[in-house]
Amino acid sequence: GLLAQANGNILYVDEINLLEDHIVDVLLDSAAMGVNTVEREGISYSHPARFILVGTMNPEEGDLRPQLLDRFGLMVEVHGEQEAEARLAFEENPAAFCARWAPEQEALRRRIGSAQALLPQVSLPEPLFDTVARVCTALQVDGHRADITMLKTARALAALEGRTEAGMEELRRAAEL
């Protein structure tokens, strides 16, 4: 099924805040264990289900369940294009619109590739660990997922900037996410 296809990939769920409880339970179990077990009519089958979960939602339609909120390490707000000219340019000629942005997309693709190669060399100075612990304690964050996510994100941001050591600026940006 879908979770088997998602294995080793990204699982994108639109309107994740509107999922029924039993589906949320299956997603969370699979994400935590890396395995999905399907049981029907006396037959039990397990398959690998390691995936990155990406969800979108419209906050006006309801909140994200707490058990899901805990699983999302990073969050961004996405706003639609506000310039009428850009919207019309895409509608009139999608291929030309994409071609106009192709050089910037390619530059970003190369930058991300360089960051991926640099990431194993990026270090986290000891004071960052203390800062993360204090921030999470002050915000009364349960568990350690937030700590780990902030540190990993700070490393990724440093790599994206071409640096081999994450600093307070990357940590601040990571905390905002």
N, C-alpha and C. Protein backbone atom coordinates (compact mmCIF):
# COMPACT_ATOMS: atom_id res chain seq x y z
N GLY A 1 0.81 -1.19 0.00
CA GLY A 1 0.00 0.00 0.00
C GLY A 1 0.86 1.25 0.00
N LEU A 2 0.25 2.32 0.39
CA LEU A 2 0.88 3.63 0.37
C LEU A 2 2.12 3.70 1.26
N LEU A 3 2.05 3.11 2.45
CA LEU A 3 3.21 3.16 3.34
C LEU A 3 4.37 2.32 2.81
N ALA A 4 4.08 1.26 2.10
CA ALA A 4 5.15 0.48 1.47
C ALA A 4 5.81 1.29 0.36
N GLN A 5 5.02 2.02 -0.42
CA GLN A 5 5.56 2.87 -1.47
C GLN A 5 6.36 4.03 -0.89
N ALA A 6 5.97 4.50 0.29
CA ALA A 6 6.65 5.62 0.92
C ALA A 6 8.00 5.21 1.51
N ASN A 7 8.22 3.93 1.70
CA ASN A 7 9.47 3.47 2.31
C ASN A 7 10.68 4.03 1.57
N GLY A 8 11.53 4.73 2.32
CA GLY A 8 12.72 5.32 1.75
C GLY A 8 12.47 6.63 1.02
N ASN A 9 11.27 7.14 1.13
CA ASN A 9 10.89 8.35 0.41
C ASN A 9 10.22 9.35 1.34
N ILE A 10 9.59 10.32 0.74
CA ILE A 10 8.83 11.33 1.47
C ILE A 10 7.35 10.98 1.35
N LEU A 11 6.66 10.98 2.48
CA LEU A 11 5.21 10.78 2.48
C LEU A 11 4.57 12.14 2.71
N TYR A 12 3.89 12.64 1.70
CA TYR A 12 3.25 13.95 1.76
C TYR A 12 1.76 13.75 2.05
N VAL A 13 1.28 14.40 3.11
CA VAL A 13 -0.13 14.30 3.49
C VAL A 13 -0.72 15.70 3.52
N ASP A 14 -1.64 15.97 2.62
CA ASP A 14 -2.33 17.26 2.59
C ASP A 14 -3.45 17.24 3.62
N GLU A 15 -3.67 18.38 4.25
CA GLU A 15 -4.71 18.52 5.27
C GLU A 15 -4.55 17.47 6.36
N ILE A 16 -3.34 17.35 6.84
CA ILE A 16 -3.00 16.33 7.84
C ILE A 16 -3.80 16.50 9.12
N ASN A 17 -4.21 17.71 9.41
CA ASN A 17 -4.99 17.96 10.62
C ASN A 17 -6.40 17.40 10.53
N LEU A 18 -6.84 16.97 9.36
CA LEU A 18 -8.19 16.44 9.20
C LEU A 18 -8.23 14.91 9.13
N LEU A 19 -7.07 14.26 9.29
CA LEU A 19 -7.04 12.79 9.25
C LEU A 19 -7.81 12.19 10.43
N GLU A 20 -8.42 11.06 10.18
CA GLU A 20 -9.13 10.35 11.24
C GLU A 20 -8.11 9.74 12.20
N ASP A 21 -8.54 9.55 13.46
CA ASP A 21 -7.65 9.07 14.51
C ASP A 21 -6.96 7.76 14.15
N HIS A 22 -7.69 6.81 13.57
CA HIS A 22 -7.07 5.51 13.29
C HIS A 22 -5.97 5.62 12.23
N ILE A 23 -6.11 6.55 11.30
CA ILE A 23 -5.07 6.75 10.29
C ILE A 23 -3.85 7.41 10.92
N VAL A 24 -4.10 8.38 11.82
CA VAL A 24 -3.00 9.02 12.54
C VAL A 24 -2.24 7.98 13.34
N ASP A 25 -2.95 7.07 13.98
CA ASP A 25 -2.30 6.01 14.77
C ASP A 25 -1.40 5.14 13.90
N VAL A 26 -1.87 4.75 12.72
CA VAL A 26 -1.08 3.92 11.81
C VAL A 26 0.17 4.69 11.36
N LEU A 27 -0.01 5.97 11.00
CA LEU A 27 1.14 6.79 10.59
C LEU A 27 2.18 6.89 11.69
N LEU A 28 1.71 7.17 12.91
CA LEU A 28 2.65 7.34 14.02
C LEU A 28 3.36 6.04 14.36
N ASP A 29 2.63 4.93 14.37
CA ASP A 29 3.26 3.64 14.65
C ASP A 29 4.31 3.30 13.59
N SER A 30 3.97 3.51 12.32
CA SER A 30 4.90 3.21 11.24
C SER A 30 6.12 4.11 11.30
N ALA A 31 5.89 5.41 11.57
CA ALA A 31 7.01 6.36 11.65
C ALA A 31 7.94 6.01 12.81
N ALA A 32 7.37 5.61 13.94
CA ALA A 32 8.18 5.31 15.12
C ALA A 32 8.94 4.00 14.96
N MET A 33 8.31 3.00 14.39
CA MET A 33 8.91 1.67 14.31
C MET A 33 9.65 1.41 12.99
N GLY A 34 9.31 2.18 11.96
CA GLY A 34 9.92 1.94 10.65
C GLY A 34 9.36 0.72 9.97
N VAL A 35 8.25 0.22 10.50
CA VAL A 35 7.60 -0.98 9.96
C VAL A 35 6.10 -0.77 10.01
N ASN A 36 5.40 -1.23 8.98
CA ASN A 36 3.94 -1.20 8.99
C ASN A 36 3.45 -2.64 8.96
N THR A 37 2.51 -2.93 9.83
CA THR A 37 1.93 -4.27 9.86
C THR A 37 0.47 -4.19 9.46
N VAL A 38 0.11 -4.99 8.46
CA VAL A 38 -1.26 -5.04 7.97
C VAL A 38 -1.84 -6.38 8.40
N GLU A 39 -2.97 -6.33 9.08
CA GLU A 39 -3.63 -7.56 9.53
C GLU A 39 -5.06 -7.57 9.05
N ARG A 40 -5.38 -8.61 8.26
CA ARG A 40 -6.73 -8.76 7.74
C ARG A 40 -7.06 -10.23 7.62
N GLU A 41 -8.26 -10.58 8.03
CA GLU A 41 -8.79 -11.93 7.85
C GLU A 41 -7.80 -13.01 8.29
N GLY A 42 -7.17 -12.79 9.43
CA GLY A 42 -6.25 -13.77 9.99
C GLY A 42 -4.86 -13.79 9.39
N ILE A 43 -4.59 -12.89 8.46
CA ILE A 43 -3.27 -12.82 7.84
C ILE A 43 -2.57 -11.57 8.36
N SER A 44 -1.30 -11.74 8.69
CA SER A 44 -0.50 -10.61 9.17
C SER A 44 0.72 -10.46 8.26
N TYR A 45 0.92 -9.25 7.76
CA TYR A 45 2.04 -8.98 6.87
C TYR A 45 2.73 -7.70 7.32
N SER A 46 4.04 -7.74 7.49
CA SER A 46 4.82 -6.57 7.88
C SER A 46 5.78 -6.20 6.76
N HIS A 47 5.95 -4.90 6.56
CA HIS A 47 6.89 -4.41 5.55
C HIS A 47 7.58 -3.16 6.07
N PRO A 48 8.77 -2.86 5.54
CA PRO A 48 9.47 -1.64 5.98
C PRO A 48 8.66 -0.40 5.60
N ALA A 49 8.70 0.59 6.49
CA ALA A 49 7.98 1.84 6.25
C ALA A 49 8.75 3.00 6.89
N ARG A 50 9.94 3.22 6.39
CA ARG A 50 10.75 4.35 6.87
C ARG A 50 10.56 5.48 5.88
N PHE A 51 10.05 6.60 6.36
CA PHE A 51 9.76 7.71 5.48
C PHE A 51 9.89 9.03 6.23
N ILE A 52 9.99 10.09 5.46
CA ILE A 52 9.96 11.44 6.01
C ILE A 52 8.52 11.92 5.83
N LEU A 53 7.90 12.33 6.92
CA LEU A 53 6.51 12.76 6.87
C LEU A 53 6.45 14.27 6.68
N VAL A 54 5.81 14.69 5.61
CA VAL A 54 5.58 16.11 5.33
C VAL A 54 4.08 16.30 5.28
N GLY A 55 3.59 17.23 6.07
CA GLY A 55 2.15 17.48 6.11
C GLY A 55 1.85 18.95 5.89
N THR A 56 0.73 19.20 5.25
CA THR A 56 0.25 20.57 5.09
C THR A 56 -1.13 20.66 5.70
N MET A 57 -1.47 21.88 6.09
CA MET A 57 -2.79 22.08 6.69
C MET A 57 -3.17 23.54 6.60
N ASN A 58 -4.44 23.79 6.71
CA ASN A 58 -4.97 25.14 6.82
C ASN A 58 -5.38 25.32 8.27
N PRO A 59 -4.68 26.15 9.04
CA PRO A 59 -4.96 26.28 10.47
C PRO A 59 -6.40 26.68 10.79
N GLU A 60 -7.06 27.36 9.85
CA GLU A 60 -8.45 27.75 10.09
C GLU A 60 -9.39 26.55 10.13
N GLU A 61 -8.94 25.40 9.63
CA GLU A 61 -9.78 24.21 9.57
C GLU A 61 -9.61 23.30 10.78
N GLY A 62 -8.79 23.70 11.73
CA GLY A 62 -8.60 22.89 12.93
C GLY A 62 -7.14 22.72 13.27
N ASP A 63 -6.90 22.36 14.52
CA ASP A 63 -5.54 22.19 15.01
C ASP A 63 -4.99 20.82 14.67
N LEU A 64 -3.70 20.72 14.74
CA LEU A 64 -3.01 19.45 14.57
C LEU A 64 -3.07 18.69 15.89
N ARG A 65 -3.37 17.41 15.83
CA ARG A 65 -3.43 16.62 17.06
C ARG A 65 -2.08 16.65 17.77
N PRO A 66 -2.08 16.72 19.11
CA PRO A 66 -0.82 16.82 19.86
C PRO A 66 0.17 15.71 19.53
N GLN A 67 -0.31 14.48 19.34
CA GLN A 67 0.60 13.38 19.06
C GLN A 67 1.27 13.55 17.70
N LEU A 68 0.62 14.22 16.74
CA LEU A 68 1.25 14.51 15.46
C LEU A 68 2.17 15.72 15.57
N LEU A 69 1.73 16.72 16.30
CA LEU A 69 2.53 17.93 16.47
C LEU A 69 3.91 17.58 17.03
N ASP A 70 3.96 16.61 17.91
CA ASP A 70 5.21 16.17 18.51
C ASP A 70 6.15 15.53 17.48
N ARG A 71 5.58 15.02 16.38
CA ARG A 71 6.40 14.32 15.37
C ARG A 71 6.96 15.25 14.31
N PHE A 72 6.41 16.45 14.22
CA PHE A 72 6.91 17.40 13.23
C PHE A 72 7.96 18.28 13.88
N GLY A 73 9.20 18.10 13.47
CA GLY A 73 10.29 18.86 14.06
C GLY A 73 10.36 20.28 13.56
N LEU A 74 9.97 20.50 12.32
CA LEU A 74 10.07 21.82 11.72
C LEU A 74 8.73 22.24 11.14
N MET A 75 8.48 23.53 11.16
CA MET A 75 7.23 24.05 10.63
C MET A 75 7.51 25.37 9.91
N VAL A 76 6.90 25.56 8.78
CA VAL A 76 7.00 26.82 8.05
C VAL A 76 5.60 27.26 7.64
N GLU A 77 5.43 28.56 7.53
CA GLU A 77 4.19 29.11 6.99
C GLU A 77 4.42 29.41 5.52
N VAL A 78 3.48 29.01 4.70
CA VAL A 78 3.58 29.25 3.27
C VAL A 78 2.42 30.15 2.87
N HIS A 79 2.74 31.22 2.20
CA HIS A 79 1.72 32.16 1.74
C HIS A 79 1.71 32.16 0.22
N GLY A 80 0.54 32.33 -0.35
CA GLY A 80 0.42 32.38 -1.80
C GLY A 80 1.06 33.62 -2.38
N GLU A 81 1.34 33.58 -3.65
CA GLU A 81 1.93 34.72 -4.36
C GLU A 81 0.97 35.89 -4.30
N GLN A 82 1.50 37.04 -3.89
CA GLN A 82 0.66 38.23 -3.74
C GLN A 82 0.71 39.17 -4.95
N GLU A 83 1.72 39.00 -5.79
CA GLU A 83 1.84 39.88 -6.95
C GLU A 83 1.01 39.34 -8.11
N ALA A 84 0.09 40.15 -8.58
CA ALA A 84 -0.80 39.74 -9.66
C ALA A 84 -0.03 39.41 -10.93
N GLU A 85 1.04 40.17 -11.20
CA GLU A 85 1.82 39.94 -12.43
C GLU A 85 2.41 38.53 -12.45
N ALA A 86 2.94 38.10 -11.32
CA ALA A 86 3.54 36.76 -11.24
C ALA A 86 2.47 35.69 -11.42
N ARG A 87 1.33 35.89 -10.80
CA ARG A 87 0.24 34.90 -10.93
C ARG A 87 -0.22 34.81 -12.38
N LEU A 88 -0.37 35.96 -13.02
CA LEU A 88 -0.82 35.97 -14.41
C LEU A 88 0.24 35.39 -15.33
N ALA A 89 1.52 35.67 -15.06
CA ALA A 89 2.60 35.15 -15.90
C ALA A 89 2.59 33.63 -15.90
N PHE A 90 2.37 33.03 -14.75
CA PHE A 90 2.32 31.58 -14.68
C PHE A 90 1.10 31.04 -15.43
N GLU A 91 -0.04 31.66 -15.21
CA GLU A 91 -1.28 31.20 -15.87
C GLU A 91 -1.17 31.31 -17.40
N GLU A 92 -0.54 32.37 -17.88
CA GLU A 92 -0.44 32.59 -19.32
C GLU A 92 0.52 31.61 -20.00
N ASN A 93 1.66 31.33 -19.32
CA ASN A 93 2.66 30.47 -19.95
C ASN A 93 3.50 29.79 -18.86
N PRO A 94 3.01 28.67 -18.32
CA PRO A 94 3.75 28.00 -17.24
C PRO A 94 5.18 27.62 -17.62
N ALA A 95 5.41 27.18 -18.84
CA ALA A 95 6.75 26.77 -19.25
C ALA A 95 7.70 27.97 -19.25
N ALA A 96 7.26 29.10 -19.77
CA ALA A 96 8.11 30.30 -19.79
C ALA A 96 8.36 30.80 -18.37
N PHE A 97 7.35 30.71 -17.53
CA PHE A 97 7.51 31.14 -16.14
C PHE A 97 8.57 30.28 -15.45
N CYS A 98 8.49 28.97 -15.64
CA CYS A 98 9.47 28.06 -15.03
C CYS A 98 10.86 28.30 -15.61
N ALA A 99 10.95 28.55 -16.91
CA ALA A 99 12.24 28.81 -17.55
C ALA A 99 12.88 30.08 -16.99
N ARG A 100 12.06 31.07 -16.67
CA ARG A 100 12.59 32.32 -16.12
C ARG A 100 13.28 32.07 -14.79
N TRP A 101 12.76 31.14 -14.00
CA TRP A 101 13.31 30.86 -12.67
C TRP A 101 14.29 29.70 -12.67
N ALA A 102 14.51 29.07 -13.80
CA ALA A 102 15.39 27.90 -13.87
C ALA A 102 16.81 28.18 -13.39
N PRO A 103 17.43 29.31 -13.76
CA PRO A 103 18.80 29.56 -13.27
C PRO A 103 18.87 29.64 -11.73
N GLU A 104 17.89 30.30 -11.12
CA GLU A 104 17.89 30.39 -9.65
C GLU A 104 17.64 29.02 -9.03
N GLN A 105 16.77 28.23 -9.63
CA GLN A 105 16.51 26.88 -9.13
C GLN A 105 17.76 26.02 -9.23
N GLU A 106 18.48 26.14 -10.33
CA GLU A 106 19.70 25.36 -10.51
C GLU A 106 20.77 25.79 -9.51
N ALA A 107 20.88 27.09 -9.27
CA ALA A 107 21.85 27.58 -8.27
C ALA A 107 21.50 27.05 -6.88
N LEU A 108 20.23 27.04 -6.56
CA LEU A 108 19.79 26.52 -5.27
C LEU A 108 20.06 25.01 -5.18
N ARG A 109 19.81 24.29 -6.27
CA ARG A 109 20.07 22.85 -6.30
C ARG A 109 21.55 22.56 -6.04
N ARG A 110 22.45 23.35 -6.67
CA ARG A 110 23.88 23.17 -6.45
C ARG A 110 24.26 23.52 -5.01
N ARG A 111 23.68 24.57 -4.48
CA ARG A 111 23.97 24.99 -3.10
C ARG A 111 23.56 23.89 -2.11
N ILE A 112 22.40 23.30 -2.33
CA ILE A 112 21.94 22.22 -1.47
C ILE A 112 22.85 21.00 -1.60
N GLY A 113 23.27 20.68 -2.81
CA GLY A 113 24.19 19.57 -3.02
C GLY A 113 25.51 19.79 -2.29
N SER A 114 26.02 21.00 -2.35
CA SER A 114 27.26 21.33 -1.63
C SER A 114 27.06 21.21 -0.12
N ALA A 115 25.91 21.66 0.35
CA ALA A 115 25.61 21.57 1.79
C ALA A 115 25.52 20.11 2.23
N GLN A 116 24.92 19.26 1.42
CA GLN A 116 24.84 17.84 1.75
C GLN A 116 26.22 17.23 1.86
N ALA A 117 27.12 17.61 0.96
CA ALA A 117 28.48 17.07 1.01
C ALA A 117 29.24 17.60 2.22
N LEU A 118 28.99 18.84 2.61
CA LEU A 118 29.70 19.47 3.72
C LEU A 118 29.15 19.05 5.09
N LEU A 119 27.90 18.66 5.15
CA LEU A 119 27.22 18.39 6.43
C LEU A 119 27.98 17.47 7.38
N PRO A 120 28.58 16.36 6.92
CA PRO A 120 29.30 15.50 7.87
C PRO A 120 30.47 16.19 8.57
N GLN A 121 30.97 17.27 7.99
CA GLN A 121 32.10 17.98 8.58
C GLN A 121 31.67 19.10 9.53
N VAL A 122 30.37 19.41 9.59
CA VAL A 122 29.90 20.53 10.40
C VAL A 122 29.83 20.10 11.87
N SER A 123 30.48 20.89 12.72
CA SER A 123 30.51 20.58 14.15
C SER A 123 29.56 21.50 14.92
N LEU A 124 29.24 21.05 16.11
CA LEU A 124 28.39 21.81 17.03
C LEU A 124 29.22 22.11 18.28
N PRO A 125 29.56 23.37 18.51
CA PRO A 125 30.32 23.70 19.72
C PRO A 125 29.53 23.36 20.98
N GLU A 126 30.23 22.97 22.01
CA GLU A 126 29.62 22.54 23.28
C GLU A 126 28.61 23.55 23.85
N PRO A 127 28.87 24.87 23.79
CA PRO A 127 27.90 25.82 24.36
C PRO A 127 26.52 25.75 23.70
N LEU A 128 26.44 25.30 22.46
CA LEU A 128 25.13 25.19 21.81
C LEU A 128 24.24 24.16 22.49
N PHE A 129 24.84 23.08 22.96
CA PHE A 129 24.06 22.04 23.64
C PHE A 129 23.40 22.60 24.89
N ASP A 130 24.14 23.36 25.64
CA ASP A 130 23.62 23.98 26.86
C ASP A 130 22.50 24.96 26.53
N THR A 131 22.70 25.76 25.50
CA THR A 131 21.69 26.73 25.10
C THR A 131 20.40 26.04 24.68
N VAL A 132 20.52 24.99 23.89
CA VAL A 132 19.34 24.24 23.45
C VAL A 132 18.60 23.67 24.66
N ALA A 133 19.32 23.09 25.58
CA ALA A 133 18.69 22.51 26.77
C ALA A 133 17.95 23.59 27.57
N ARG A 134 18.57 24.76 27.72
CA ARG A 134 17.92 25.84 28.47
C ARG A 134 16.68 26.35 27.75
N VAL A 135 16.74 26.49 26.43
CA VAL A 135 15.59 26.95 25.66
C VAL A 135 14.43 25.97 25.79
N CYS A 136 14.71 24.69 25.62
CA CYS A 136 13.65 23.68 25.69
C CYS A 136 13.08 23.58 27.10
N THR A 137 13.92 23.74 28.11
CA THR A 137 13.43 23.72 29.49
C THR A 137 12.54 24.93 29.75
N ALA A 138 12.97 26.09 29.29
CA ALA A 138 12.18 27.31 29.50
C ALA A 138 10.83 27.23 28.80
N LEU A 139 10.79 26.56 27.65
CA LEU A 139 9.54 26.42 26.90
C LEU A 139 8.73 25.20 27.34
N GLN A 140 9.23 24.48 28.32
CA GLN A 140 8.57 23.29 28.87
C GLN A 140 8.26 22.25 27.79
N VAL A 141 9.28 22.02 26.95
CA VAL A 141 9.15 21.04 25.88
C VAL A 141 9.29 19.65 26.48
N ASP A 142 8.35 18.76 26.14
CA ASP A 142 8.44 17.38 26.59
C ASP A 142 9.37 16.59 25.67
N GLY A 143 10.14 15.71 26.25
CA GLY A 143 11.02 14.84 25.47
C GLY A 143 12.23 15.58 24.94
N HIS A 144 12.96 14.88 24.05
CA HIS A 144 14.20 15.44 23.52
C HIS A 144 14.17 15.64 22.01
N ARG A 145 13.03 15.41 21.39
CA ARG A 145 12.97 15.57 19.94
C ARG A 145 13.29 17.00 19.52
N ALA A 146 12.78 17.97 20.27
CA ALA A 146 13.01 19.38 19.92
C ALA A 146 14.50 19.71 20.02
N ASP A 147 15.16 19.23 21.07
CA ASP A 147 16.59 19.48 21.24
C ASP A 147 17.36 18.95 20.04
N ILE A 148 17.11 17.70 19.72
CA ILE A 148 17.83 17.04 18.63
C ILE A 148 17.54 17.73 17.30
N THR A 149 16.29 18.07 17.06
CA THR A 149 15.91 18.72 15.80
C THR A 149 16.57 20.09 15.67
N MET A 150 16.60 20.85 16.76
CA MET A 150 17.23 22.17 16.70
C MET A 150 18.72 22.04 16.37
N LEU A 151 19.38 21.10 16.98
CA LEU A 151 20.82 20.92 16.72
C LEU A 151 21.08 20.45 15.29
N LYS A 152 20.28 19.49 14.82
CA LYS A 152 20.45 19.01 13.45
C LYS A 152 20.15 20.12 12.44
N THR A 153 19.14 20.91 12.72
CA THR A 153 18.78 22.01 11.82
C THR A 153 19.87 23.07 11.81
N ALA A 154 20.44 23.38 12.97
CA ALA A 154 21.53 24.36 13.04
C ALA A 154 22.72 23.88 12.20
N ARG A 155 23.02 22.59 12.27
CA ARG A 155 24.11 22.02 11.45
C ARG A 155 23.80 22.16 9.97
N ALA A 156 22.56 21.85 9.59
CA ALA A 156 22.17 21.94 8.18
C ALA A 156 22.24 23.38 7.68
N LEU A 157 21.80 24.32 8.51
CA LEU A 157 21.86 25.74 8.12
C LEU A 157 23.30 26.20 7.95
N ALA A 158 24.18 25.77 8.84
CA ALA A 158 25.60 26.12 8.71
C ALA A 158 26.16 25.56 7.40
N ALA A 159 25.84 24.31 7.10
CA ALA A 159 26.32 23.69 5.86
C ALA A 159 25.78 24.44 4.64
N LEU A 160 24.54 24.87 4.70
CA LEU A 160 23.94 25.62 3.60
C LEU A 160 24.67 26.94 3.38
N GLU A 161 25.20 27.50 4.45
CA GLU A 161 25.97 28.75 4.35
C GLU A 161 27.44 28.49 4.04
N GLY A 162 27.84 27.21 3.93
CA GLY A 162 29.21 26.86 3.59
C GLY A 162 30.16 26.88 4.76
N ARG A 163 29.63 26.79 5.99
CA ARG A 163 30.48 26.82 7.18
C ARG A 163 30.58 25.43 7.80
N THR A 164 31.70 25.18 8.47
CA THR A 164 31.92 23.87 9.09
C THR A 164 31.66 23.89 10.59
N GLU A 165 31.12 24.99 11.10
CA GLU A 165 30.74 25.04 12.51
C GLU A 165 29.45 25.84 12.65
N ALA A 166 28.47 25.23 13.32
CA ALA A 166 27.21 25.93 13.58
C ALA A 166 27.41 26.89 14.74
N GLY A 167 26.70 27.99 14.70
CA GLY A 167 26.82 28.98 15.76
C GLY A 167 25.45 29.40 16.29
N MET A 168 25.46 30.42 17.11
CA MET A 168 24.23 30.90 17.74
C MET A 168 23.22 31.41 16.71
N GLU A 169 23.68 31.99 15.62
CA GLU A 169 22.75 32.50 14.60
C GLU A 169 21.98 31.33 13.97
N GLU A 170 22.67 30.27 13.63
CA GLU A 170 21.98 29.10 13.06
C GLU A 170 21.03 28.49 14.09
N LEU A 171 21.45 28.47 15.34
CA LEU A 171 20.60 27.92 16.39
C LEU A 171 19.34 28.77 16.57
N ARG A 172 19.49 30.07 16.50
CA ARG A 172 18.33 30.96 16.62
C ARG A 172 17.36 30.71 15.46
N ARG A 173 17.89 30.61 14.24
CA ARG A 173 17.04 30.34 13.08
C ARG A 173 16.37 28.97 13.19
N ALA A 174 17.11 28.00 13.68
CA ALA A 174 16.54 26.65 13.86
C ALA A 174 15.40 26.67 14.88
N ALA A 175 15.58 27.41 15.96
CA ALA A 175 14.56 27.48 17.00
C ALA A 175 13.28 28.10 16.47
N GLU A 176 13.40 29.06 15.56
CA GLU A 176 12.22 29.69 14.98
C GLU A 176 11.41 28.70 14.16
N LEU A 177 12.09 27.72 13.57
CA LEU A 177 11.40 26.73 12.74
C LEU A 177 10.76 25.65 13.59
